[in-house]
Protein backbone atom coordinates (compact mmCIF):
# COMPACT_ATOMS: atom_id res chain seq x y z
CA MET A 1 -50.12 -20.56 169.01
CA GLN A 2 -45.89 -19.56 169.23
CA SER A 3 -45.00 -15.49 169.14
CA LEU A 4 -42.93 -13.75 166.63
CA GLY A 5 -39.69 -14.31 168.92
CA GLU A 6 -40.23 -17.99 168.97
CA GLN A 7 -40.87 -18.30 165.38
CA ILE A 8 -37.88 -16.37 164.30
CA ARG A 9 -35.71 -18.43 166.99
CA ALA A 10 -37.42 -21.61 165.05
CA ARG A 11 -35.80 -20.43 162.01
CA LEU A 12 -32.37 -19.38 163.35
CA PRO A 13 -29.71 -21.32 162.20
CA TYR A 14 -27.83 -22.28 165.21
CA GLN A 15 -24.86 -23.03 163.73
CA GLN A 16 -21.01 -20.95 164.08
CA ARG A 17 -20.72 -18.42 160.92
CA ASN A 18 -17.50 -17.52 161.37
CA ALA A 19 -16.41 -18.25 158.36
CA ALA A 20 -19.00 -16.21 156.84
CA SER A 21 -17.97 -13.50 159.24
CA LEU A 22 -14.59 -13.91 157.96
CA ALA A 23 -15.39 -13.73 154.04
CA LEU A 24 -17.48 -10.92 154.78
CA LEU A 25 -14.62 -8.87 156.61
CA VAL A 26 -12.11 -9.63 153.72
CA PHE A 27 -14.43 -8.20 151.76
CA ALA A 28 -14.51 -5.19 153.69
CA MET A 29 -11.00 -4.98 153.87
CA VAL A 30 -10.85 -4.92 150.09
CA LEU A 31 -13.19 -2.25 149.72
CA THR A 32 -11.16 0.07 152.22
CA LEU A 33 -7.90 -0.65 150.81
CA SER A 34 -9.42 -0.05 147.21
CA ALA A 35 -10.70 3.23 148.12
CA PHE A 36 -7.24 4.31 149.54
CA ALA A 37 -5.41 3.18 146.55
CA GLU A 38 -8.14 4.78 144.18
CA VAL A 39 -7.63 8.06 146.10
CA GLY A 40 -3.63 7.91 145.66
CA LEU A 41 -4.15 6.61 141.60
CA ALA A 42 -6.58 9.85 141.34
CA ARG A 43 -4.40 12.20 142.91
CA ASP A 44 -0.99 11.11 141.81
CA GLY A 45 -0.97 8.00 139.85
CA SER A 46 0.75 6.17 142.53
CA LEU A 47 -0.35 4.04 145.17
CA PRO A 48 -0.60 6.35 148.43
CA ALA A 49 2.26 6.23 150.88
CA GLY A 50 0.02 5.40 153.51
CA LEU A 51 -1.87 2.64 151.97
CA PHE A 52 -0.33 0.12 154.37
CA VAL A 53 -0.11 2.12 156.92
CA TYR A 54 -3.72 3.08 157.16
CA GLY A 55 -5.42 0.44 155.52
CA GLY A 56 -2.91 -2.55 156.92
CA GLY A 57 -3.30 -1.20 160.23
CA LEU A 58 -7.09 -1.02 160.26
CA ALA A 59 -6.94 -4.53 158.58
CA VAL A 60 -4.87 -5.77 161.57
CA LEU A 61 -7.25 -4.18 163.92
CA ALA A 62 -10.09 -5.79 162.31
CA LEU A 63 -8.76 -9.54 162.48
CA ILE A 64 -7.86 -9.11 166.04
CA ALA A 65 -11.48 -8.29 166.81
CA TYR A 66 -12.69 -11.09 164.62
CA PHE A 67 -10.43 -13.30 166.44
CA VAL A 68 -11.96 -12.40 170.00
CA GLN A 69 -15.79 -12.33 168.47
CA SER A 70 -14.98 -15.85 166.78
CA LYS A 71 -13.64 -17.57 170.18
CA PHE A 72 -15.91 -15.90 172.69
CA THR A 73 -18.57 -15.27 170.78
CA PRO A 74 -19.05 -17.89 168.03
CA TYR A 75 -22.67 -17.62 167.74
CA ALA A 76 -23.02 -13.63 167.20
CA ASP A 77 -24.52 -12.45 164.11
CA PRO A 78 -21.94 -12.33 161.07
CA LEU A 79 -22.83 -8.89 159.16
CA LEU A 80 -22.33 -6.89 162.58
CA LEU A 81 -18.27 -6.77 162.73
CA PRO A 82 -18.10 -6.69 158.86
CA LEU A 83 -20.50 -3.67 158.18
CA ALA A 84 -18.91 -1.75 161.16
CA VAL A 85 -15.32 -1.94 159.99
CA ALA A 86 -16.69 -1.04 156.01
CA LEU A 87 -18.11 2.33 157.50
CA ASN A 88 -15.16 3.02 159.72
CA GLY A 89 -12.41 2.00 156.58
CA LEU A 90 -14.83 4.38 154.55
CA GLY A 91 -14.76 7.41 156.82
CA LEU A 92 -10.75 6.94 157.49
CA THR A 93 -10.63 6.72 153.60
CA MET A 94 -12.35 10.18 153.13
CA ILE A 95 -10.68 11.71 156.10
CA TYR A 96 -7.12 10.82 154.73
CA ARG A 97 -8.48 12.17 151.40
CA LEU A 98 -9.28 15.52 153.22
CA ASP A 99 -6.10 15.66 155.55
CA LEU A 100 -4.30 18.78 154.46
CA ASP A 101 -0.99 17.25 155.16
CA THR A 102 -1.36 14.59 152.24
CA SER A 103 -4.40 16.45 149.96
CA ALA A 104 -2.34 17.27 146.66
CA ASP A 105 -5.50 19.28 145.21
CA ARG A 106 -5.27 21.62 148.38
CA LYS A 107 -1.64 22.43 147.84
CA ALA A 108 -2.17 23.13 144.49
CA ALA A 109 -4.99 25.24 144.77
CA ALA A 110 -2.96 27.38 147.72
CA ALA A 111 -0.01 27.59 144.90
CA ALA A 112 -2.43 29.14 142.19
CA GLY A 113 -3.58 31.64 144.88
CA LYS A 114 -6.86 30.39 145.84
CA LYS A 115 -8.12 31.13 149.35
CA LEU A 116 -8.77 27.83 151.30
CA LEU A 117 -10.99 27.42 154.06
CA GLU A 118 -9.26 26.19 157.43
CA ASP A 119 -9.43 22.75 157.85
CA ALA A 120 -8.93 20.18 160.50
CA ALA A 121 -8.87 16.43 159.04
CA ARG A 122 -6.25 14.66 160.71
CA ALA A 123 -6.07 11.00 159.29
CA PRO A 124 -3.43 10.08 161.83
CA GLY A 125 -5.49 11.08 164.95
CA GLN A 126 -8.18 9.08 163.10
CA LEU A 127 -6.69 5.98 163.08
CA ILE A 128 -5.16 6.46 166.79
CA TRP A 129 -9.03 6.78 167.49
CA THR A 130 -10.12 3.67 165.64
CA PHE A 131 -7.35 1.74 167.12
CA VAL A 132 -8.87 2.82 170.66
CA GLY A 133 -12.75 1.67 169.31
CA ILE A 134 -11.44 -1.42 168.42
CA THR A 135 -9.79 -1.99 171.66
CA LEU A 136 -12.74 -1.27 173.67
CA PHE A 137 -14.90 -3.65 171.39
CA VAL A 138 -12.48 -6.41 172.05
CA VAL A 139 -12.72 -5.35 175.95
CA ALA A 140 -16.39 -5.16 176.13
CA VAL A 141 -16.82 -8.73 174.62
CA LEU A 142 -14.24 -10.51 176.74
CA ILE A 143 -16.05 -8.61 179.61
CA MET A 144 -19.70 -9.60 179.09
CA ARG A 145 -20.63 -13.30 179.24
CA ASP A 146 -23.24 -15.41 178.57
CA THR A 147 -26.44 -14.51 179.81
CA ASP A 148 -26.96 -18.14 181.19
CA LYS A 149 -23.35 -18.49 182.73
CA THR A 150 -24.15 -16.30 185.93
CA ASP A 151 -21.59 -18.48 187.82
CA ALA A 152 -18.77 -17.01 185.90
CA ARG A 153 -15.85 -15.45 187.72
CA LEU A 154 -16.45 -11.76 187.46
CA SER A 155 -19.37 -12.09 185.74
CA PHE A 156 -21.14 -9.59 183.78
CA THR A 157 -23.79 -10.10 181.05
CA PRO A 158 -26.16 -7.32 179.26
CA LYS A 159 -28.72 -8.27 181.68
CA THR A 160 -26.65 -7.68 184.45
CA ALA A 161 -27.17 -4.37 183.84
CA GLN A 162 -30.98 -4.39 184.83
CA ARG A 163 -29.65 -4.40 188.48
CA TYR A 164 -28.82 -1.03 188.56
CA THR A 165 -31.04 0.60 186.00
CA TYR A 166 -31.57 3.82 188.61
CA LEU A 167 -27.70 4.08 189.40
CA ILE A 168 -27.13 3.97 185.74
CA GLY A 169 -29.76 6.41 184.64
CA LEU A 170 -28.37 8.74 186.98
CA SER A 171 -24.65 8.39 185.62
CA ALA A 172 -26.71 9.20 182.38
CA ILE A 173 -27.89 12.70 183.75
CA ILE A 174 -24.43 13.50 185.34
CA MET A 175 -22.75 12.99 181.88
CA LEU A 176 -25.50 15.18 179.90
CA ILE A 177 -24.79 18.14 182.81
CA LEU A 178 -21.06 18.20 182.62
CA PRO A 179 -20.98 20.19 179.34
CA ILE A 180 -22.54 23.05 181.57
CA VAL A 181 -20.47 23.04 184.39
CA PRO A 182 -18.41 26.16 184.47
CA GLY A 183 -14.49 24.97 184.21
CA ILE A 184 -14.64 21.82 182.06
CA GLY A 185 -17.53 22.69 179.41
CA ALA A 186 -16.81 24.25 176.41
CA GLU A 187 -19.43 25.64 173.43
CA ILE A 188 -18.54 24.89 170.20
CA ASN A 189 -20.17 26.17 167.14
CA GLY A 190 -23.07 27.41 169.48
CA ALA A 191 -23.71 24.13 171.07
CA ARG A 192 -22.79 23.42 174.73
CA VAL A 193 -21.75 19.45 174.38
CA TRP A 194 -18.07 19.01 175.02
CA ILE A 195 -15.94 18.94 178.13
CA ASN A 196 -12.05 19.44 177.99
CA ILE A 197 -10.12 16.73 179.71
CA ALA A 198 -6.16 16.97 180.04
CA GLY A 199 -6.00 18.80 176.49
CA PHE A 200 -8.84 16.59 174.73
CA SER A 201 -12.54 17.14 173.88
CA VAL A 202 -14.98 14.73 174.91
CA GLN A 203 -18.71 14.66 173.93
CA PRO A 204 -20.11 13.03 176.79
CA GLY A 205 -23.35 12.63 175.35
CA GLU A 206 -22.24 9.79 172.87
CA PHE A 207 -21.63 7.64 176.23
CA ALA A 208 -25.01 8.56 177.47
CA LYS A 209 -27.09 7.41 175.13
CA LEU A 210 -25.89 3.79 175.37
CA LEU A 211 -26.27 4.46 179.38
CA LEU A 212 -29.87 5.99 178.72
CA VAL A 213 -30.93 2.87 176.80
CA VAL A 214 -29.98 0.62 179.84
CA PHE A 215 -31.94 2.94 181.70
CA PHE A 216 -34.92 3.16 179.80
CA ALA A 217 -34.96 -0.81 179.20
CA GLY A 218 -34.85 -1.37 182.86
CA TYR A 219 -37.66 1.17 184.07
CA LEU A 220 -39.92 -0.04 180.91
CA VAL A 221 -39.56 -3.80 181.43
CA ASN A 222 -41.35 -3.25 184.51
CA LYS A 223 -43.74 -0.57 184.11
CA ARG A 224 -44.97 -1.75 180.79
CA GLN A 225 -48.02 -3.83 182.00
CA ALA A 226 -49.15 -0.52 183.93
CA MET A 227 -48.64 1.59 180.90
CA SER A 228 -50.18 -0.59 178.35
CA LEU A 229 -53.65 -0.03 180.08
CA ILE A 230 -56.01 2.15 178.55
CA GLY A 231 -57.51 5.32 179.93
CA LYS A 232 -59.89 7.47 178.19
CA LYS A 233 -60.39 7.33 174.71
CA VAL A 234 -60.45 10.61 172.24
CA GLY A 235 -61.42 9.79 168.66
CA PRO A 236 -59.42 6.76 167.30
CA PHE A 237 -56.71 7.24 170.25
CA SER A 238 -56.26 5.78 173.44
CA LEU A 239 -55.05 8.02 175.59
CA PRO A 240 -53.33 6.50 178.72
CA ARG A 241 -53.69 6.92 182.19
CA GLY A 242 -52.76 10.13 184.03
CA ARG A 243 -50.31 8.23 186.26
CA ASP A 244 -48.92 6.75 183.51
CA LEU A 245 -48.22 9.68 181.94
CA GLY A 246 -45.88 11.17 184.52
CA PRO A 247 -42.82 9.54 183.14
CA ILE A 248 -43.08 10.57 179.65
CA MET A 249 -43.30 14.16 180.89
CA VAL A 250 -40.60 13.68 183.04
CA ILE A 251 -38.30 12.81 180.19
CA TRP A 252 -39.86 15.52 178.05
CA PHE A 253 -39.15 18.42 180.53
CA PHE A 254 -35.77 16.78 180.49
CA CYS A 255 -34.80 17.24 176.73
CA LEU A 256 -36.23 20.42 176.97
CA GLY A 257 -33.67 21.39 179.86
CA VAL A 258 -30.99 19.79 177.79
CA LEU A 259 -32.48 21.81 174.63
CA PHE A 260 -32.26 25.02 176.80
CA LEU A 261 -29.12 24.71 178.64
CA GLN A 262 -26.94 23.30 175.84
CA LYS A 263 -28.55 25.10 172.81
CA ASP A 264 -28.43 21.42 171.18
CA LEU A 265 -31.62 20.26 169.15
CA GLY A 266 -29.88 17.15 168.00
CA THR A 267 -29.41 15.69 171.29
CA ALA A 268 -32.71 16.69 172.62
CA LEU A 269 -34.10 15.18 169.56
CA LEU A 270 -32.23 11.73 170.07
CA PHE A 271 -33.30 11.25 173.71
CA PHE A 272 -36.65 12.24 173.71
CA GLY A 273 -36.96 10.13 170.49
CA LEU A 274 -35.22 6.89 171.75
CA PHE A 275 -37.72 6.69 174.81
CA VAL A 276 -40.90 7.32 172.84
CA SER A 277 -39.64 4.39 170.62
CA MET A 278 -38.96 2.24 173.24
CA LEU A 279 -42.01 3.14 174.87
CA TYR A 280 -43.93 2.01 171.81
CA ILE A 281 -42.04 -1.31 171.58
CA ALA A 282 -42.56 -1.93 175.44
CA THR A 283 -46.67 -1.18 175.10
CA GLN A 284 -47.20 -1.19 171.16
CA ARG A 285 -49.60 1.65 172.15
CA VAL A 286 -49.54 4.10 168.95
CA SER A 287 -50.93 6.43 171.11
CA TRP A 288 -47.76 7.13 173.00
CA VAL A 289 -46.45 7.82 169.71
CA MET A 290 -48.74 10.52 168.77
CA ILE A 291 -48.38 11.80 172.23
CA GLY A 292 -44.72 11.72 171.90
CA VAL A 293 -44.48 13.48 168.42
CA GLY A 294 -46.98 16.28 170.18
CA LEU A 295 -44.86 16.67 173.04
CA LEU A 296 -41.61 17.45 170.74
CA ALA A 297 -43.41 19.67 168.52
CA VAL A 298 -44.51 21.66 171.38
CA GLY A 299 -40.66 21.80 172.94
CA VAL A 300 -39.65 23.36 170.00
CA PHE A 301 -42.29 25.64 169.35
CA VAL A 302 -42.01 27.25 172.51
CA ALA A 303 -37.66 26.81 172.13
CA THR A 304 -38.15 29.01 169.00
CA LEU A 305 -39.92 31.68 171.05
CA LEU A 306 -37.34 32.11 173.97
CA PRO A 307 -34.89 34.99 173.24
CA PHE A 308 -31.83 33.02 174.38
CA MET A 309 -32.26 30.46 172.30
CA GLY A 310 -30.90 32.17 169.53
CA HIS A 311 -28.84 29.92 167.95
CA VAL A 312 -31.72 26.78 167.48
CA ASN A 313 -33.52 29.69 165.95
CA GLN A 314 -31.04 30.04 163.46
CA ARG A 315 -30.94 26.74 162.81
CA ILE A 316 -34.82 26.39 162.14
CA ASP A 317 -34.42 30.02 159.87
CA ILE A 318 -31.24 28.48 157.94
CA TRP A 319 -33.23 25.13 157.40
CA GLN A 320 -36.51 27.43 156.12
CA ASN A 321 -34.14 29.88 154.10
CA PRO A 322 -30.34 29.75 154.24
CA LYS A 323 -29.77 32.34 151.41
CA PRO A 324 -29.25 35.50 154.23
CA TYR A 325 -27.00 33.79 156.19
CA PHE A 326 -24.80 32.52 153.18
CA ASP A 327 -20.91 33.61 154.44
CA GLY A 328 -22.45 34.90 157.41
CA GLY A 329 -25.88 36.61 158.89
CA CYS A 330 -26.85 38.44 162.15
CA LEU A 331 -30.17 37.71 163.32
CA MET A 332 -31.13 40.77 165.66
CA GLU A 333 -33.76 40.72 168.64
CA SER A 334 -36.33 42.14 166.33
CA GLY A 335 -35.75 38.96 163.87
CA LYS A 336 -34.17 41.14 161.00
CA VAL A 337 -31.29 39.17 159.55
CA ILE A 338 -28.25 41.49 158.60
CA PRO A 339 -25.94 40.04 156.02
CA VAL A 340 -22.10 40.32 157.37
CA ASN A 341 -20.64 38.48 154.38
CA PRO A 342 -17.54 39.66 152.59
CA ASN A 343 -19.37 41.72 150.24
CA THR A 344 -20.95 43.83 152.64
CA ASP A 345 -19.18 47.55 154.08
CA ILE A 346 -19.79 46.46 157.75
CA TYR A 347 -17.61 43.27 156.79
CA LYS A 348 -15.00 45.38 154.99
CA LYS A 349 -14.76 47.88 158.13
CA TYR A 350 -13.94 44.65 160.23
CA ASP A 351 -11.28 42.91 157.92
CA LYS A 352 -8.48 44.09 159.29
CA PRO A 353 -4.95 42.51 160.65
CA GLY A 354 -5.71 40.74 163.65
CA VAL A 355 -9.21 40.18 163.36
CA ILE A 356 -9.69 36.37 162.92
CA SER A 357 -13.53 36.48 162.02
CA PRO A 358 -14.48 39.97 160.80
CA GLY A 359 -18.26 38.60 160.08
CA PHE A 360 -18.56 37.25 163.46
CA THR A 361 -16.83 40.30 165.31
CA ALA A 362 -19.42 42.86 163.07
CA CYS A 363 -22.65 41.11 164.18
CA ALA A 364 -21.22 41.21 167.72
CA ASN A 365 -20.62 44.89 167.87
CA LEU A 366 -24.60 44.91 166.39
CA GLY A 367 -25.72 43.22 169.52
CA GLY A 368 -27.09 40.05 167.39
CA GLU A 369 -26.53 36.26 166.76
CA TYR A 370 -23.87 35.32 164.56
CA SER A 371 -24.61 32.46 162.07
CA ASP A 372 -23.18 30.99 158.58
CA SER A 373 -25.36 28.91 156.15
CA ALA A 374 -22.22 28.31 153.75
CA GLN A 375 -21.41 24.67 154.91
CA LEU A 376 -25.36 23.87 154.68
CA MET A 377 -25.21 25.19 151.00
CA LYS A 378 -21.95 24.06 150.09
CA GLY A 379 -22.48 20.61 150.90
CA LEU A 380 -26.08 20.86 149.12
CA TYR A 381 -24.03 22.17 146.17
CA ALA A 382 -21.41 19.14 146.54
CA LEU A 383 -24.09 16.52 146.32
CA GLY A 384 -25.41 17.99 143.13
CA GLU A 385 -21.74 18.08 141.69
CA GLY A 386 -21.67 14.62 142.84
CA GLY A 387 -24.64 13.45 140.82
CA VAL A 388 -25.63 9.83 140.59
CA LEU A 389 -22.40 7.83 140.00
CA GLY A 390 -19.88 10.82 141.45
CA THR A 391 -16.83 12.20 140.76
CA GLY A 392 -14.55 9.26 141.85
CA LEU A 393 -12.67 9.33 144.92
CA GLY A 394 -9.89 11.68 145.01
CA GLN A 395 -11.28 13.60 141.76
CA GLY A 396 -13.78 16.06 143.56
CA GLU A 397 -13.12 19.10 145.84
CA PRO A 398 -14.87 18.28 149.09
CA TRP A 399 -12.43 20.39 151.10
CA ARG A 400 -14.60 23.48 149.57
CA THR A 401 -17.57 22.70 152.34
CA PRO A 402 -16.91 23.57 155.69
CA LEU A 403 -16.47 20.76 158.57
CA SER A 404 -16.01 18.52 155.49
CA PHE A 405 -14.89 15.73 157.66
CA SER A 406 -17.07 15.81 160.63
CA ASP A 407 -20.40 16.92 160.19
CA PHE A 408 -20.59 17.13 156.52
CA ILE A 409 -18.45 14.12 155.90
CA PHE A 410 -21.93 12.47 154.72
CA ASP A 411 -21.88 15.12 151.72
CA SER A 412 -18.25 14.94 150.75
CA LEU A 413 -18.60 11.31 150.47
CA GLY A 414 -21.39 11.58 148.34
CA GLU A 415 -19.92 14.19 146.00
CA GLU A 416 -17.02 11.23 145.43
CA LEU A 417 -19.18 8.33 145.10
CA GLY A 418 -22.45 9.93 144.16
CA LEU A 419 -25.81 9.00 144.83
CA THR A 420 -25.16 5.48 144.51
CA GLY A 421 -22.30 5.05 146.82
CA LEU A 422 -24.68 7.04 149.28
CA MET A 423 -27.04 4.59 148.89
CA ALA A 424 -24.21 1.69 149.61
CA ILE A 425 -23.57 3.53 152.76
CA LEU A 426 -27.24 3.86 154.22
CA LEU A 427 -28.22 0.17 153.33
CA MET A 428 -25.15 -0.80 155.87
CA TYR A 429 -26.60 1.20 158.70
CA ALA A 430 -29.92 -0.48 157.81
CA LEU A 431 -28.23 -3.76 157.53
CA ILE A 432 -27.05 -3.05 161.13
CA VAL A 433 -30.46 -1.49 162.45
CA GLN A 434 -31.76 -4.54 160.97
CA ARG A 435 -29.62 -7.34 162.56
CA GLY A 436 -30.23 -5.57 165.94
CA MET A 437 -33.96 -5.53 165.61
CA LYS A 438 -34.04 -9.39 164.48
CA THR A 439 -31.45 -9.85 167.60
CA ALA A 440 -34.24 -8.05 169.92
CA VAL A 441 -37.25 -10.00 168.50
CA ALA A 442 -35.31 -13.32 168.87
CA ALA A 443 -34.08 -12.31 172.73
CA ARG A 444 -35.64 -14.49 175.15
CA ASP A 445 -35.50 -12.20 178.48
CA PRO A 446 -37.91 -9.22 178.33
CA PHE A 447 -35.23 -6.85 179.45
CA LEU A 448 -32.62 -7.89 176.45
CA LYS A 449 -35.56 -7.31 174.24
CA LEU A 450 -36.10 -3.87 175.00
CA PHE A 451 -32.36 -3.70 175.44
CA ALA A 452 -31.39 -4.35 171.69
CA GLY A 453 -34.16 -3.04 170.77
CA GLY A 454 -33.08 0.41 171.89
CA VAL A 455 -29.48 0.25 170.89
CA SER A 456 -30.33 -0.50 167.22
CA PHE A 457 -33.15 2.61 167.25
CA VAL A 458 -30.67 5.12 168.83
CA LEU A 459 -28.36 4.27 165.83
CA ALA A 460 -31.16 4.33 163.15
CA LEU A 461 -32.21 7.56 164.72
CA GLN A 462 -28.93 9.55 165.10
CA VAL A 463 -28.33 8.50 161.03
CA PHE A 464 -31.59 9.91 160.26
CA VAL A 465 -30.95 13.03 162.41
CA ILE A 466 -27.43 14.29 160.82
CA VAL A 467 -28.28 12.84 157.26
CA GLY A 468 -31.57 14.73 157.11
CA GLY A 469 -29.51 17.58 158.63
CA VAL A 470 -27.09 17.97 155.69
CA THR A 471 -29.63 17.14 153.33
CA ARG A 472 -32.07 19.72 154.26
CA LEU A 473 -34.57 17.35 155.40
CA ILE A 474 -34.83 18.61 158.94
CA PRO A 475 -33.18 21.72 160.73
CA LEU A 476 -29.17 20.78 161.19
CA THR A 477 -28.19 19.50 164.11
CA GLY A 478 -24.76 19.07 165.81
CA LEU A 479 -24.84 14.72 165.89
CA THR A 480 -22.17 13.13 164.16
CA THR A 481 -22.08 10.17 161.42
CA PRO A 482 -21.39 6.91 163.31
CA PHE A 483 -18.40 5.33 162.22
CA LEU A 484 -17.63 8.14 159.38
CA SER A 485 -17.01 11.50 161.17
CA GLN A 486 -13.83 12.57 162.84
CA GLY A 487 -13.69 12.39 166.52
CA GLY A 488 -13.22 9.91 169.13
CA SER A 489 -16.08 10.41 171.38
CA SER A 490 -18.51 9.05 168.81
CA LEU A 491 -16.30 6.24 167.59
CA MET A 492 -15.64 5.16 170.51
CA ALA A 493 -19.14 4.67 171.87
CA ASN A 494 -20.60 3.15 168.27
CA TRP A 495 -17.54 0.66 168.73
CA ILE A 496 -18.99 -0.20 172.26
CA LEU A 497 -22.83 -0.27 170.48
CA ILE A 498 -21.64 -2.95 168.03
CA ALA A 499 -19.97 -5.03 170.86
CA ILE A 500 -23.28 -4.65 172.74
CA LEU A 501 -25.54 -6.29 169.74
CA VAL A 502 -22.85 -8.92 169.09
CA ARG A 503 -23.13 -10.26 172.57
CA MET A 504 -26.83 -10.06 172.70
CA SER A 505 -26.95 -11.52 168.92
CA HIS A 506 -24.94 -14.46 170.28
CA ASP A 507 -27.11 -15.33 173.19
CA ALA A 508 -30.39 -15.22 171.20
CA ARG A 509 -28.77 -17.39 168.22
CA LYS A 510 -27.05 -19.87 170.18
CA PRO A 511 -28.85 -23.32 170.75
CA ALA A 512 -30.99 -23.07 173.95
CA PRO A 513 -29.37 -25.64 176.63
CA GLN A 514 -31.04 -29.12 176.43
CA ALA A 515 -33.04 -30.86 179.30
CA ILE A 516 -31.26 -33.68 181.12
CA GLN A 517 -33.92 -36.25 179.70
CA ASP A 518 -32.63 -35.41 176.42
CA GLU A 519 -29.08 -36.39 177.24
CA GLY A 520 -29.85 -39.93 178.51
CA MET A 521 -29.27 -38.89 181.96
CA THR A 522 -31.36 -40.47 184.84
CA GLN A 523 -32.18 -38.47 187.85
CA ILE A 524 -32.36 -39.84 191.18
CA VAL A 525 -34.67 -38.29 194.02
CA SER A 526 -34.04 -38.68 197.45
CA THR A 527 -37.59 -38.81 199.62
CA ARG A 528 -35.53 -38.86 202.90
């Protein structure tokens, strides 16, 4: 009886789908250029000056990526590159719309005397990072070879990484530790996940997630048989043996360390969820998932009891009841939240020239932990304002939401594109994940199966965590929305992720090499 992977490979169209990929890429570019045009027409009644700079620049980059893909990975999945370009284009459009230098509505609001939030949307910078990201995509596709061409010069395939499993795992741990190193680590918005290098802020965790996928895949492909063995059975659950439970405990403590030292709930959730999901893919044991979810719940509960984890506690408090923190709240050691918003007397006391944030200063003098739920609540108001069809690109007020260009760009798009537009965006993410999972099932090598499955799941989990946070489904975390949010680290890492899926989908979809006998040749065997 054929396995699921063999059945899928038997139905795969073993032909080059470059024409389909080009047609979808053209549609993605038409979508992006139309979005840019709508922003300008809605605001100024004319096509924006940045239409050909930003839209045309992205089109040129996308075509270069297409030609490299069609030449070196002709059997690659035709959907991956167009979907990534469409998401990147929509994100660039919204950042261009929010850019202070290009937003006519912000200038009009400022002229009317309205108080505006300090924004940092930078469309030129995002275009540069898009160029860097697509360049990395091209380089990754060029460097990685077909899995069966191991004798090629400077040969490097996705499977090559299996030989360096533990070295790659060590590199991932070093990347995660860098933000807590004095001198280069930086704390932003309560989480210490950034490092400063030559004036640039980099989030090493974005690259560490890819390295951890390689490490987990290499480790589990060697240990999956041992981990599939059943130990004791408790009720309906089959528990693993104690010796096999050790690795998941080590990962649990490691993720708790990330949570405690960096105060970043999102990164800890992403890494632990990644390991548990890959463990399930390798063993098909539901008991591992239940143990993983239980350990994660215990870890979060322990974090809420520690006094120095005030930032994480505030995130959970804001998720449960954001009202006391609106426009500024101060969490005291007793657990009481004291409002320090502009309507309070203590805020007015410190509202003096030279004081950048009176609410933060007031909370610091009270000896508490400051936090503000305004971004979460204003983001929810923006989603409500958008409704089903949205206000239209360029016709809403997404700039009223703090961090509308990064953490809350999903809400910004929801205000102007509505629920319909958000469902289309989520469908794009779902298609990337689905094509990645299909590649994982069709892959011929166990390591490549785990690698493709882990890469696909890490994208799905990251989208779930950030979208769930900004919609108040789960506590808000500091993860970025792939391809949409402003920033170079996330964009570069996700373009490398797409390059990995493109290469592995090419390996899975290309025709298997035929036997010599099928080619009409005769083998001569010497008995001497």
